[in-house]
Amino acid sequence: ADSVKGRFTISRENAEDTVYLQMNSLKPEDTAVYYCYAETEYL
């Protein structure tokens, strides 16, 4: 999202199907419930 570019970094460990979100320079407007999302084969 434009609002997080340069501050957040997403990464994934494929072997373990794990995804990370490193969030730096956090702002009060980043306050929210954060949900992980996945889409499998077969959509």
PDB file of all heavy atoms in Angstrom:
ATOM      1  N   ALA A   1       0.854  -1.179   0.000  1.00  0.00           N
ATOM      2  CA  ALA A   1       0.000   0.000   0.000  1.00  0.00           C
ATOM      3  C   ALA A   1       0.893   1.232   0.000  1.00  0.00           C
ATOM      4  O   ALA A   1       1.975   1.224   0.617  1.00  0.00           O
ATOM      5  CB  ALA A   1      -0.891  -0.003   1.239  1.00  0.00           C
ATOM      6  N   ASP A   2       0.459   2.281  -0.665  1.00  0.00           N
ATOM      7  CA  ASP A   2       1.266   3.499  -0.730  1.00  0.00           C
ATOM      8  C   ASP A   2       1.592   4.031   0.673  1.00  0.00           C
ATOM      9  O   ASP A   2       2.663   4.580   0.906  1.00  0.00           O
ATOM     10  CB  ASP A   2       0.535   4.573  -1.528  1.00  0.00           C
ATOM     11  CG  ASP A   2       0.510   4.265  -3.015  1.00  0.00           C
ATOM     12  OD1 ASP A   2       1.327   3.432  -3.465  1.00  0.00           O
ATOM     13  OD2 ASP A   2      -0.332   4.845  -3.721  1.00  0.00           O
ATOM     14  N   SER A   3       0.666   3.856   1.590  1.00  0.00           N
ATOM     15  CA  SER A   3       0.826   4.415   2.934  1.00  0.00           C
ATOM     16  C   SER A   3       1.934   3.751   3.742  1.00  0.00           C
ATOM     17  O   SER A   3       2.367   4.317   4.753  1.00  0.00           O
ATOM     18  CB  SER A   3      -0.494   4.316   3.703  1.00  0.00           C
ATOM     19  OG  SER A   3      -0.896   2.956   3.799  1.00  0.00           O
ATOM     20  N   VAL A   4       2.388   2.568   3.309  1.00  0.00           N
ATOM     21  CA  VAL A   4       3.419   1.856   4.088  1.00  0.00           C
ATOM     22  C   VAL A   4       4.724   1.694   3.323  1.00  0.00           C
ATOM     23  O   VAL A   4       5.702   1.192   3.890  1.00  0.00           O
ATOM     24  CB  VAL A   4       2.921   0.473   4.564  1.00  0.00           C
ATOM     25  CG1 VAL A   4       1.594   0.606   5.307  1.00  0.00           C
ATOM     26  CG2 VAL A   4       2.803  -0.511   3.406  1.00  0.00           C
ATOM     27  N   LYS A   5       4.768   2.118   2.065  1.00  0.00           N
ATOM     28  CA  LYS A   5       5.985   1.977   1.265  1.00  0.00           C
ATOM     29  C   LYS A   5       7.150   2.694   1.939  1.00  0.00           C
ATOM     30  O   LYS A   5       7.012   3.826   2.398  1.00  0.00           O
ATOM     31  CB  LYS A   5       5.762   2.535  -0.134  1.00  0.00           C
ATOM     32  CG  LYS A   5       4.962   1.625  -1.033  1.00  0.00           C
ATOM     33  CD  LYS A   5       4.790   2.246  -2.432  1.00  0.00           C
ATOM     34  CE  LYS A   5       3.972   1.338  -3.325  1.00  0.00           C
ATOM     35  NZ  LYS A   5       3.709   1.953  -4.650  1.00  0.00           N
ATOM     36  N   GLY A   6       8.294   2.003   2.000  1.00  0.00           N
ATOM     37  CA  GLY A   6       9.476   2.583   2.623  1.00  0.00           C
ATOM     38  C   GLY A   6       9.544   2.368   4.124  1.00  0.00           C
ATOM     39  O   GLY A   6      10.581   2.624   4.737  1.00  0.00           O
ATOM     40  N   ARG A   7       8.444   1.910   4.720  1.00  0.00           N
ATOM     41  CA  ARG A   7       8.423   1.684   6.173  1.00  0.00           C
ATOM     42  C   ARG A   7       8.218   0.216   6.532  1.00  0.00           C
ATOM     43  O   ARG A   7       8.759  -0.268   7.531  1.00  0.00           O
ATOM     44  CB  ARG A   7       7.310   2.520   6.822  1.00  0.00           C
ATOM     45  CG  ARG A   7       7.446   4.014   6.606  1.00  0.00           C
ATOM     46  CD  ARG A   7       6.422   4.794   7.436  1.00  0.00           C
ATOM     47  NE  ARG A   7       5.055   4.479   7.055  1.00  0.00           N
ATOM     48  CZ  ARG A   7       4.131   3.999   7.897  1.00  0.00           C
ATOM     49  NH1 ARG A   7       4.449   3.760   9.158  1.00  0.00           N
ATOM     50  NH2 ARG A   7       2.905   3.755   7.472  1.00  0.00           N
ATOM     51  N   PHE A   8       7.420  -0.483   5.738  1.00  0.00           N
ATOM     52  CA  PHE A   8       7.105  -1.886   6.010  1.00  0.00           C
ATOM     53  C   PHE A   8       7.811  -2.774   4.981  1.00  0.00           C
ATOM     54  O   PHE A   8       7.960  -2.392   3.818  1.00  0.00           O
ATOM     55  CB  PHE A   8       5.602  -2.136   5.906  1.00  0.00           C
ATOM     56  CG  PHE A   8       4.782  -1.525   6.998  1.00  0.00           C
ATOM     57  CD1 PHE A   8       5.289  -0.588   7.886  1.00  0.00           C
ATOM     58  CD2 PHE A   8       3.426  -1.868   7.121  1.00  0.00           C
ATOM     59  CE1 PHE A   8       4.519  -0.017   8.878  1.00  0.00           C
ATOM     60  CE2 PHE A   8       2.643  -1.307   8.107  1.00  0.00           C
ATOM     61  CZ  PHE A   8       3.186  -0.385   8.982  1.00  0.00           C
ATOM     62  N   THR A   9       8.183  -3.982   5.429  1.00  0.00           N
ATOM     63  CA  THR A   9       8.798  -4.953   4.534  1.00  0.00           C
ATOM     64  C   THR A   9       8.154  -6.315   4.753  1.00  0.00           C
ATOM     65  O   THR A   9       8.106  -6.812   5.886  1.00  0.00           O
ATOM     66  CB  THR A   9      10.308  -5.072   4.784  1.00  0.00           C
ATOM     67  OG1 THR A   9      10.923  -3.782   4.618  1.00  0.00           O
ATOM     68  CG2 THR A   9      10.937  -6.054   3.808  1.00  0.00           C
ATOM     69  N   ILE A  10       7.678  -6.897   3.671  1.00  0.00           N
ATOM     70  CA  ILE A  10       7.091  -8.227   3.735  1.00  0.00           C
ATOM     71  C   ILE A  10       8.111  -9.238   3.220  1.00  0.00           C
ATOM     72  O   ILE A  10       8.867  -8.954   2.287  1.00  0.00           O
ATOM     73  CB  ILE A  10       5.779  -8.308   2.926  1.00  0.00           C
ATOM     74  CG1 ILE A  10       5.057  -9.631   3.177  1.00  0.00           C
ATOM     75  CG2 ILE A  10       6.028  -8.075   1.440  1.00  0.00           C
ATOM     76  CD1 ILE A  10       3.656  -9.683   2.569  1.00  0.00           C
ATOM     77  N   SER A  11       8.127 -10.415   3.855  1.00  0.00           N
ATOM     78  CA  SER A  11       9.011 -11.477   3.400  1.00  0.00           C
ATOM     79  C   SER A  11       8.342 -12.818   3.673  1.00  0.00           C
ATOM     80  O   SER A  11       7.428 -12.913   4.496  1.00  0.00           O
ATOM     81  CB  SER A  11      10.368 -11.398   4.101  1.00  0.00           C
ATOM     82  OG  SER A  11      10.222 -11.514   5.503  1.00  0.00           O
ATOM     83  N   ARG A  12       8.823 -13.827   2.962  1.00  0.00           N
ATOM     84  CA  ARG A  12       8.197 -15.138   3.099  1.00  0.00           C
ATOM     85  C   ARG A  12       9.256 -16.238   3.116  1.00  0.00           C
ATOM     86  O   ARG A  12      10.211 -16.188   2.334  1.00  0.00           O
ATOM     87  CB  ARG A  12       7.223 -15.380   1.943  1.00  0.00           C
ATOM     88  CG  ARG A  12       6.564 -16.760   1.986  1.00  0.00           C
ATOM     89  CD  ARG A  12       5.590 -16.965   0.857  1.00  0.00           C
ATOM     90  NE  ARG A  12       5.120 -18.349   0.866  1.00  0.00           N
ATOM     91  CZ  ARG A  12       4.253 -18.852   0.003  1.00  0.00           C
ATOM     92  NH1 ARG A  12       3.770 -18.098  -0.966  1.00  0.00           N
ATOM     93  NH2 ARG A  12       3.872 -20.110   0.076  1.00  0.00           N
ATOM     94  N   GLU A  13       9.056 -17.197   3.996  1.00  0.00           N
ATOM     95  CA  GLU A  13       9.865 -18.419   4.001  1.00  0.00           C
ATOM     96  C   GLU A  13       9.027 -19.500   3.348  1.00  0.00           C
ATOM     97  O   GLU A  13       8.114 -20.051   3.971  1.00  0.00           O
ATOM     98  CB  GLU A  13      10.238 -18.828   5.431  1.00  0.00           C
ATOM     99  CG  GLU A  13      11.284 -17.946   6.062  1.00  0.00           C
ATOM    100  CD  GLU A  13      11.732 -18.497   7.400  1.00  0.00           C
ATOM    101  OE1 GLU A  13      11.446 -19.679   7.700  1.00  0.00           O
ATOM    102  OE2 GLU A  13      12.369 -17.738   8.144  1.00  0.00           O
ATOM    103  N   ASN A  14       9.305 -19.772   2.084  1.00  0.00           N
ATOM    104  CA  ASN A  14       8.457 -20.690   1.325  1.00  0.00           C
ATOM    105  C   ASN A  14       8.437 -22.092   1.911  1.00  0.00           C
ATOM    106  O   ASN A  14       7.402 -22.744   1.936  1.00  0.00           O
ATOM    107  CB  ASN A  14       8.913 -20.739  -0.131  1.00  0.00           C
ATOM    108  CG  ASN A  14       8.620 -19.459  -0.861  1.00  0.00           C
ATOM    109  OD1 ASN A  14       7.627 -18.788  -0.580  1.00  0.00           O
ATOM    110  ND2 ASN A  14       9.476 -19.095  -1.790  1.00  0.00           N
ATOM    111  N   ALA A  15       9.594 -22.540   2.389  1.00  0.00           N
ATOM    112  CA  ALA A  15       9.677 -23.911   2.883  1.00  0.00           C
ATOM    113  C   ALA A  15       8.754 -24.147   4.072  1.00  0.00           C
ATOM    114  O   ALA A  15       8.328 -25.276   4.312  1.00  0.00           O
ATOM    115  CB  ALA A  15      11.111 -24.241   3.251  1.00  0.00           C
ATOM    116  N   GLU A  16       8.464 -23.080   4.798  1.00  0.00           N
ATOM    117  CA  GLU A  16       7.635 -23.236   5.994  1.00  0.00           C
ATOM    118  C   GLU A  16       6.302 -22.523   5.854  1.00  0.00           C
ATOM    119  O   GLU A  16       5.544 -22.454   6.822  1.00  0.00           O
ATOM    120  CB  GLU A  16       8.392 -22.705   7.208  1.00  0.00           C
ATOM    121  CG  GLU A  16       9.668 -23.494   7.504  1.00  0.00           C
ATOM    122  CD  GLU A  16      10.342 -23.011   8.766  1.00  0.00           C
ATOM    123  OE1 GLU A  16       9.851 -22.070   9.392  1.00  0.00           O
ATOM    124  OE2 GLU A  16      11.385 -23.592   9.130  1.00  0.00           O
ATOM    125  N   ASP A  17       5.999 -22.003   4.672  1.00  0.00           N
ATOM    126  CA  ASP A  17       4.737 -21.278   4.478  1.00  0.00           C
ATOM    127  C   ASP A  17       4.524 -20.255   5.595  1.00  0.00           C
ATOM    128  O   ASP A  17       3.461 -20.229   6.240  1.00  0.00           O
ATOM    129  CB  ASP A  17       3.558 -22.246   4.396  1.00  0.00           C
ATOM    130  CG  ASP A  17       3.451 -22.910   3.029  1.00  0.00           C
ATOM    131  OD1 ASP A  17       3.948 -22.310   2.044  1.00  0.00           O
ATOM    132  OD2 ASP A  17       2.883 -24.004   2.951  1.00  0.00           O
ATOM    133  N   THR A  18       5.527 -19.464   5.827  1.00  0.00           N
ATOM    134  CA  THR A  18       5.475 -18.425   6.839  1.00  0.00           C
ATOM    135  C   THR A  18       5.731 -17.078   6.182  1.00  0.00           C
ATOM    136  O   THR A  18       6.615 -16.961   5.334  1.00  0.00           O
ATOM    137  CB  THR A  18       6.522 -18.673   7.934  1.00  0.00           C
ATOM    138  OG1 THR A  18       6.278 -19.950   8.541  1.00  0.00           O
ATOM    139  CG2 THR A  18       6.465 -17.590   9.002  1.00  0.00           C
ATOM    140  N   VAL A  19       4.940 -16.091   6.583  1.00  0.00           N
ATOM    141  CA  VAL A  19       5.126 -14.739   6.058  1.00  0.00           C
ATOM    142  C   VAL A  19       5.324 -13.782   7.219  1.00  0.00           C
ATOM    143  O   VAL A  19       4.748 -13.963   8.293  1.00  0.00           O
ATOM    144  CB  VAL A  19       3.925 -14.322   5.178  1.00  0.00           C
ATOM    145  CG1 VAL A  19       2.651 -14.203   5.992  1.00  0.00           C
ATOM    146  CG2 VAL A  19       4.219 -13.044   4.417  1.00  0.00           C
ATOM    147  N   TYR A  20       6.190 -12.800   6.988  1.00  0.00           N
ATOM    148  CA  TYR A  20       6.516 -11.815   8.009  1.00  0.00           C
ATOM    149  C   TYR A  20       6.186 -10.412   7.502  1.00  0.00           C
ATOM    150  O   TYR A  20       6.202 -10.152   6.304  1.00  0.00           O
ATOM    151  CB  TYR A  20       8.000 -11.869   8.360  1.00  0.00           C
ATOM    152  CG  TYR A  20       8.473 -13.225   8.805  1.00  0.00           C
ATOM    153  CD1 TYR A  20       9.049 -14.112   7.898  1.00  0.00           C
ATOM    154  CD2 TYR A  20       8.340 -13.635  10.128  1.00  0.00           C
ATOM    155  CE1 TYR A  20       9.486 -15.360   8.293  1.00  0.00           C
ATOM    156  CE2 TYR A  20       8.777 -14.885  10.535  1.00  0.00           C
ATOM    157  CZ  TYR A  20       9.338 -15.745   9.614  1.00  0.00           C
ATOM    158  OH  TYR A  20       9.766 -16.983  10.020  1.00  0.00           O
ATOM    159  N   LEU A  21       5.932  -9.524   8.453  1.00  0.00           N
ATOM    160  CA  LEU A  21       5.768  -8.107   8.125  1.00  0.00           C
ATOM    161  C   LEU A  21       6.594  -7.309   9.123  1.00  0.00           C
ATOM    162  O   LEU A  21       6.233  -7.236  10.302  1.00  0.00           O
ATOM    163  CB  LEU A  21       4.305  -7.685   8.173  1.00  0.00           C
ATOM    164  CG  LEU A  21       4.025  -6.262   7.710  1.00  0.00           C
ATOM    165  CD1 LEU A  21       4.278  -6.131   6.196  1.00  0.00           C
ATOM    166  CD2 LEU A  21       2.589  -5.836   8.028  1.00  0.00           C
ATOM    167  N   GLN A  22       7.699  -6.764   8.661  1.00  0.00           N
ATOM    168  CA  GLN A  22       8.518  -5.893   9.489  1.00  0.00           C
ATOM    169  C   GLN A  22       7.992  -4.474   9.339  1.00  0.00           C
ATOM    170  O   GLN A  22       7.965  -3.933   8.230  1.00  0.00           O
ATOM    171  CB  GLN A  22       9.985  -5.958   9.061  1.00  0.00           C
ATOM    172  CG  GLN A  22      10.898  -5.032   9.831  1.00  0.00           C
ATOM    173  CD  GLN A  22      11.020  -5.416  11.291  1.00  0.00           C
ATOM    174  OE1 GLN A  22      11.153  -6.600  11.615  1.00  0.00           O
ATOM    175  NE2 GLN A  22      10.990  -4.434  12.175  1.00  0.00           N
ATOM    176  N   MET A  23       7.589  -3.882  10.439  1.00  0.00           N
ATOM    177  CA  MET A  23       6.976  -2.560  10.410  1.00  0.00           C
ATOM    178  C   MET A  23       7.876  -1.586  11.170  1.00  0.00           C
ATOM    179  O   MET A  23       8.084  -1.755  12.383  1.00  0.00           O
ATOM    180  CB  MET A  23       5.589  -2.597  11.054  1.00  0.00           C
ATOM    181  CG  MET A  23       4.661  -3.625  10.403  1.00  0.00           C
ATOM    182  SD  MET A  23       2.984  -3.576  11.049  1.00  0.00           S
ATOM    183  CE  MET A  23       3.262  -4.142  12.721  1.00  0.00           C
ATOM    184  N   ASN A  24       8.413  -0.620  10.476  1.00  0.00           N
ATOM    185  CA  ASN A  24       9.286   0.387  11.073  1.00  0.00           C
ATOM    186  C   ASN A  24       8.642   1.765  10.967  1.00  0.00           C
ATOM    187  O   ASN A  24       7.714   1.969  10.184  1.00  0.00           O
ATOM    188  CB  ASN A  24      10.646   0.404  10.369  1.00  0.00           C
ATOM    189  CG  ASN A  24      11.386  -0.913  10.481  1.00  0.00           C
ATOM    190  OD1 ASN A  24      11.268  -1.635  11.479  1.00  0.00           O
ATOM    191  ND2 ASN A  24      12.173  -1.231   9.468  1.00  0.00           N
ATOM    192  N   SER A  25       9.152   2.689  11.753  1.00  0.00           N
ATOM    193  CA  SER A  25       8.650   4.073  11.736  1.00  0.00           C
ATOM    194  C   SER A  25       7.131   4.099  11.847  1.00  0.00           C
ATOM    195  O   SER A  25       6.444   4.787  11.081  1.00  0.00           O
ATOM    196  CB  SER A  25       9.106   4.784  10.454  1.00  0.00           C
ATOM    197  OG  SER A  25      10.498   4.784  10.337  1.00  0.00           O
ATOM    198  N   LEU A  26       6.621   3.352  12.796  1.00  0.00           N
ATOM    199  CA  LEU A  26       5.177   3.239  12.941  1.00  0.00           C
ATOM    200  C   LEU A  26       4.540   4.564  13.320  1.00  0.00           C
ATOM    201  O   LEU A  26       5.127   5.370  14.059  1.00  0.00           O
ATOM    202  CB  LEU A  26       4.840   2.170  13.976  1.00  0.00           C
ATOM    203  CG  LEU A  26       4.983   0.733  13.451  1.00  0.00           C
ATOM    204  CD1 LEU A  26       5.109  -0.260  14.596  1.00  0.00           C
ATOM    205  CD2 LEU A  26       3.794   0.379  12.578  1.00  0.00           C
ATOM    206  N   LYS A  27       3.330   4.765  12.812  1.00  0.00           N
ATOM    207  CA  LYS A  27       2.565   5.982  13.045  1.00  0.00           C
ATOM    208  C   LYS A  27       1.245   5.627  13.722  1.00  0.00           C
ATOM    209  O   LYS A  27       0.750   4.499  13.561  1.00  0.00           O
ATOM    210  CB  LYS A  27       2.265   6.670  11.714  1.00  0.00           C
ATOM    211  CG  LYS A  27       3.485   6.978  10.864  1.00  0.00           C
ATOM    212  CD  LYS A  27       3.059   7.555   9.518  1.00  0.00           C
ATOM    213  CE  LYS A  27       4.277   7.843   8.641  1.00  0.00           C
ATOM    214  NZ  LYS A  27       3.873   8.410   7.319  1.00  0.00           N
ATOM    215  N   PRO A  28       0.644   6.562  14.432  1.00  0.00           N
ATOM    216  CA  PRO A  28      -0.654   6.273  15.055  1.00  0.00           C
ATOM    217  C   PRO A  28      -1.694   5.785  14.039  1.00  0.00           C
ATOM    218  O   PRO A  28      -2.528   4.932  14.388  1.00  0.00           O
ATOM    219  CB  PRO A  28      -1.050   7.617  15.673  1.00  0.00           C
ATOM    220  CG  PRO A  28       0.257   8.270  15.981  1.00  0.00           C
ATOM    221  CD  PRO A  28       1.168   7.873  14.860  1.00  0.00           C
ATOM    222  N   GLU A  29      -1.618   6.261  12.820  1.00  0.00           N
ATOM    223  CA  GLU A  29      -2.587   5.823  11.810  1.00  0.00           C
ATOM    224  C   GLU A  29      -2.354   4.390  11.332  1.00  0.00           C
ATOM    225  O   GLU A  29      -3.154   3.857  10.551  1.00  0.00           O
ATOM    226  CB  GLU A  29      -2.594   6.784  10.608  1.00  0.00           C
ATOM    227  CG  GLU A  29      -1.233   7.075  10.016  1.00  0.00           C
ATOM    228  CD  GLU A  29      -0.625   8.362  10.554  1.00  0.00           C
ATOM    229  OE1 GLU A  29      -0.711   8.613  11.777  1.00  0.00           O
ATOM    230  OE2 GLU A  29      -0.064   9.124   9.733  1.00  0.00           O
ATOM    231  N   ASP A  30      -1.286   3.754  11.773  1.00  0.00           N
ATOM    232  CA  ASP A  30      -1.080   2.336  11.491  1.00  0.00           C
ATOM    233  C   ASP A  30      -1.838   1.444  12.472  1.00  0.00           C
ATOM    234  O   ASP A  30      -1.868   0.221  12.304  1.00  0.00           O
ATOM    235  CB  ASP A  30       0.412   1.986  11.565  1.00  0.00           C
ATOM    236  CG  ASP A  30       1.226   2.658  10.482  1.00  0.00           C
ATOM    237  OD1 ASP A  30       0.775   2.705   9.323  1.00  0.00           O
ATOM    238  OD2 ASP A  30       2.345   3.137  10.803  1.00  0.00           O
ATOM    239  N   THR A  31      -2.445   2.049  13.484  1.00  0.00           N
ATOM    240  CA  THR A  31      -3.214   1.285  14.459  1.00  0.00           C
ATOM    241  C   THR A  31      -4.371   0.568  13.777  1.00  0.00           C
ATOM    242  O   THR A  31      -5.178   1.189  13.079  1.00  0.00           O
ATOM    243  CB  THR A  31      -3.755   2.205  15.565  1.00  0.00           C
ATOM    244  OG1 THR A  31      -2.655   2.743  16.310  1.00  0.00           O
ATOM    245  CG2 THR A  31      -4.683   1.455  16.503  1.00  0.00           C
ATOM    246  N   ALA A  32      -4.421  -0.751  13.963  1.00  0.00           N
ATOM    247  CA  ALA A  32      -5.443  -1.570  13.304  1.00  0.00           C
ATOM    248  C   ALA A  32      -5.291  -3.018  13.754  1.00  0.00           C
ATOM    249  O   ALA A  32      -4.291  -3.378  14.394  1.00  0.00           O
ATOM    250  CB  ALA A  32      -5.292  -1.496  11.788  1.00  0.00           C
ATOM    251  N   VAL A  33      -6.284  -3.816  13.394  1.00  0.00           N
ATOM    252  CA  VAL A  33      -6.125  -5.266  13.486  1.00  0.00           C
ATOM    253  C   VAL A  33      -5.522  -5.725  12.167  1.00  0.00           C
ATOM    254  O   VAL A  33      -6.056  -5.414  11.092  1.00  0.00           O
ATOM    255  CB  VAL A  33      -7.462  -5.972  13.744  1.00  0.00           C
ATOM    256  CG1 VAL A  33      -7.270  -7.487  13.749  1.00  0.00           C
ATOM    257  CG2 VAL A  33      -8.066  -5.504  15.069  1.00  0.00           C
ATOM    258  N   TYR A  34      -4.427  -6.436  12.259  1.00  0.00           N
ATOM    259  CA  TYR A  34      -3.726  -6.918  11.073  1.00  0.00           C
ATOM    260  C   TYR A  34      -4.058  -8.395  10.853  1.00  0.00           C
ATOM    261  O   TYR A  34      -3.945  -9.215  11.779  1.00  0.00           O
ATOM    262  CB  TYR A  34      -2.221  -6.737  11.244  1.00  0.00           C
ATOM    263  CG  TYR A  34      -1.781  -5.305  11.067  1.00  0.00           C
ATOM    264  CD1 TYR A  34      -2.113  -4.327  12.011  1.00  0.00           C
ATOM    265  CD2 TYR A  34      -1.068  -4.901   9.942  1.00  0.00           C
ATOM    266  CE1 TYR A  34      -1.750  -3.005  11.839  1.00  0.00           C
ATOM    267  CE2 TYR A  34      -0.685  -3.576   9.763  1.00  0.00           C
ATOM    268  CZ  TYR A  34      -1.039  -2.635  10.711  1.00  0.00           C
ATOM    269  OH  TYR A  34      -0.670  -1.320  10.538  1.00  0.00           O
ATOM    270  N   TYR A  35      -4.469  -8.701   9.627  1.00  0.00           N
ATOM    271  CA  TYR A  35      -4.892 -10.052   9.267  1.00  0.00           C
ATOM    272  C   TYR A  35      -3.931 -10.657   8.254  1.00  0.00           C
ATOM    273  O   TYR A  35      -3.603 -10.022   7.238  1.00  0.00           O
ATOM    274  CB  TYR A  35      -6.283 -10.036   8.661  1.00  0.00           C
ATOM    275  CG  TYR A  35      -7.366  -9.598   9.604  1.00  0.00           C
ATOM    276  CD1 TYR A  35      -7.749  -8.265   9.682  1.00  0.00           C
ATOM    277  CD2 TYR A  35      -8.021 -10.531  10.419  1.00  0.00           C
ATOM    278  CE1 TYR A  35      -8.752  -7.856  10.554  1.00  0.00           C
ATOM    279  CE2 TYR A  35      -9.027 -10.123  11.288  1.00  0.00           C
ATOM    280  CZ  TYR A  35      -9.383  -8.793  11.354  1.00  0.00           C
ATOM    281  OH  TYR A  35     -10.375  -8.399  12.209  1.00  0.00           O
ATOM    282  N   CYS A  36      -3.531 -11.871   8.515  1.00  0.00           N
ATOM    283  CA  CYS A  36      -2.754 -12.629   7.548  1.00  0.00           C
ATOM    284  C   CYS A  36      -3.705 -13.216   6.506  1.00  0.00           C
ATOM    285  O   CYS A  36      -4.840 -13.612   6.837  1.00  0.00           O
ATOM    286  CB  CYS A  36      -2.002 -13.751   8.270  1.00  0.00           C
ATOM    287  SG  CYS A  36      -0.943 -14.743   7.199  1.00  0.00           S
ATOM    288  N   TYR A  37      -3.225 -13.285   5.276  1.00  0.00           N
ATOM    289  CA  TYR A  37      -4.046 -13.776   4.155  1.00  0.00           C
ATOM    290  C   TYR A  37      -3.224 -14.773   3.342  1.00  0.00           C
ATOM    291  O   TYR A  37      -2.016 -14.598   3.156  1.00  0.00           O
ATOM    292  CB  TYR A  37      -4.450 -12.602   3.271  1.00  0.00           C
ATOM    293  CG  TYR A  37      -5.025 -12.991   1.930  1.00  0.00           C
ATOM    294  CD1 TYR A  37      -6.389 -13.276   1.802  1.00  0.00           C
ATOM    295  CD2 TYR A  37      -4.228 -13.072   0.801  1.00  0.00           C
ATOM    296  CE1 TYR A  37      -6.928 -13.627   0.576  1.00  0.00           C
ATOM    297  CE2 TYR A  37      -4.758 -13.425  -0.425  1.00  0.00           C
ATOM    298  CZ  TYR A  37      -6.101 -13.702  -0.526  1.00  0.00           C
ATOM    299  OH  TYR A  37      -6.631 -14.059  -1.750  1.00  0.00           O
ATOM    300  N   ALA A  38      -3.904 -15.793   2.868  1.00  0.00           N
ATOM    301  CA  ALA A  38      -3.254 -16.748   1.977  1.00  0.00           C
ATOM    302  C   ALA A  38      -4.231 -17.203   0.913  1.00  0.00           C
ATOM    303  O   ALA A  38      -5.437 -17.299   1.155  1.00  0.00           O
ATOM    304  CB  ALA A  38      -2.740 -17.954   2.760  1.00  0.00           C
ATOM    305  N   GLU A  39      -3.683 -17.475  -0.251  1.00  0.00           N
ATOM    306  CA  GLU A  39      -4.482 -18.049  -1.344  1.00  0.00           C
ATOM    307  C   GLU A  39      -3.768 -19.300  -1.818  1.00  0.00           C
ATOM    308  O   GLU A  39      -2.578 -19.269  -2.164  1.00  0.00           O
ATOM    309  CB  GLU A  39      -4.618 -17.053  -2.488  1.00  0.00           C
ATOM    310  CG  GLU A  39      -5.472 -17.582  -3.638  1.00  0.00           C
ATOM    311  CD  GLU A  39      -5.510 -16.598  -4.801  1.00  0.00           C
ATOM    312  OE1 GLU A  39      -6.150 -15.556  -4.680  1.00  0.00           O
ATOM    313  OE2 GLU A  39      -4.860 -16.891  -5.831  1.00  0.00           O
ATOM    314  N   THR A  40      -4.494 -20.401  -1.843  1.00  0.00           N
ATOM    315  CA  THR A  40      -3.879 -21.664  -2.221  1.00  0.00           C
ATOM    316  C   THR A  40      -4.103 -21.952  -3.700  1.00  0.00           C
ATOM    317  O   THR A  40      -4.819 -21.227  -4.397  1.00  0.00           O
ATOM    318  CB  THR A  40      -4.484 -22.821  -1.417  1.00  0.00           C
ATOM    319  OG1 THR A  40      -5.813 -23.074  -1.905  1.00  0.00           O
ATOM    320  CG2 THR A  40      -4.559 -22.505   0.066  1.00  0.00           C
ATOM    321  N   GLU A  41      -3.460 -23.001  -4.175  1.00  0.00           N
ATOM    322  CA  GLU A  41      -3.853 -23.560  -5.458  1.00  0.00           C
ATOM    323  C   GLU A  41      -5.342 -23.835  -5.344  1.00  0.00           C
ATOM    324  O   GLU A  41      -5.865 -24.037  -4.256  1.00  0.00           O
ATOM    325  CB  GLU A  41      -3.069 -24.835  -5.741  1.00  0.00           C
ATOM    326  CG  GLU A  41      -3.209 -25.883  -4.679  1.00  0.00           C
ATOM    327  CD  GLU A  41      -2.366 -27.100  -4.989  1.00  0.00           C
ATOM    328  OE1 GLU A  41      -1.990 -27.311  -6.148  1.00  0.00           O
ATOM    329  OE2 GLU A  41      -2.065 -27.842  -4.032  1.00  0.00           O
ATOM    330  N   TYR A  42      -6.039 -23.854  -6.404  1.00  0.00           N
ATOM    331  CA  TYR A  42      -7.508 -23.969  -6.449  1.00  0.00           C
ATOM    332  C   TYR A  42      -8.188 -22.680  -5.965  1.00  0.00           C
ATOM    333  O   TYR A  42      -9.395 -22.664  -5.750  1.00  0.00           O
ATOM    334  CB  TYR A  42      -8.033 -25.159  -5.626  1.00  0.00           C
ATOM    335  CG  TYR A  42      -7.288 -26.441  -5.859  1.00  0.00           C
ATOM    336  CD1 TYR A  42      -6.610 -27.072  -4.823  1.00  0.00           C
ATOM    337  CD2 TYR A  42      -7.208 -26.998  -7.132  1.00  0.00           C
ATOM    338  CE1 TYR A  42      -5.891 -28.233  -5.041  1.00  0.00           C
ATOM    339  CE2 TYR A  42      -6.482 -28.156  -7.359  1.00  0.00           C
ATOM    340  CZ  TYR A  42      -5.819 -28.768  -6.301  1.00  0.00           C
ATOM    341  OH  TYR A  42      -5.106 -29.910  -6.517  1.00  0.00           O
ATOM    342  N   LEU A  43      -7.397 -21.608  -5.765  1.00  0.00           N
ATOM    343  CA  LEU A  43      -7.925 -20.271  -5.448  1.00  0.00           C
ATOM    344  C   LEU A  43      -8.713 -20.245  -4.140  1.00  0.00           C
ATOM    345  O   LEU A  43      -9.647 -19.448  -3.983  1.00  0.00           O
ATOM    346  CB  LEU A  43      -8.780 -19.754  -6.601  1.00  0.00           C
ATOM    347  CG  LEU A  43      -8.073 -19.716  -7.963  1.00  0.00           C
ATOM    348  CD1 LEU A  43      -8.997 -19.117  -9.019  1.00  0.00           C
ATOM    349  CD2 LEU A  43      -6.768 -18.948  -7.884  1.00  0.00           C
TER     350      LEU A  43
END
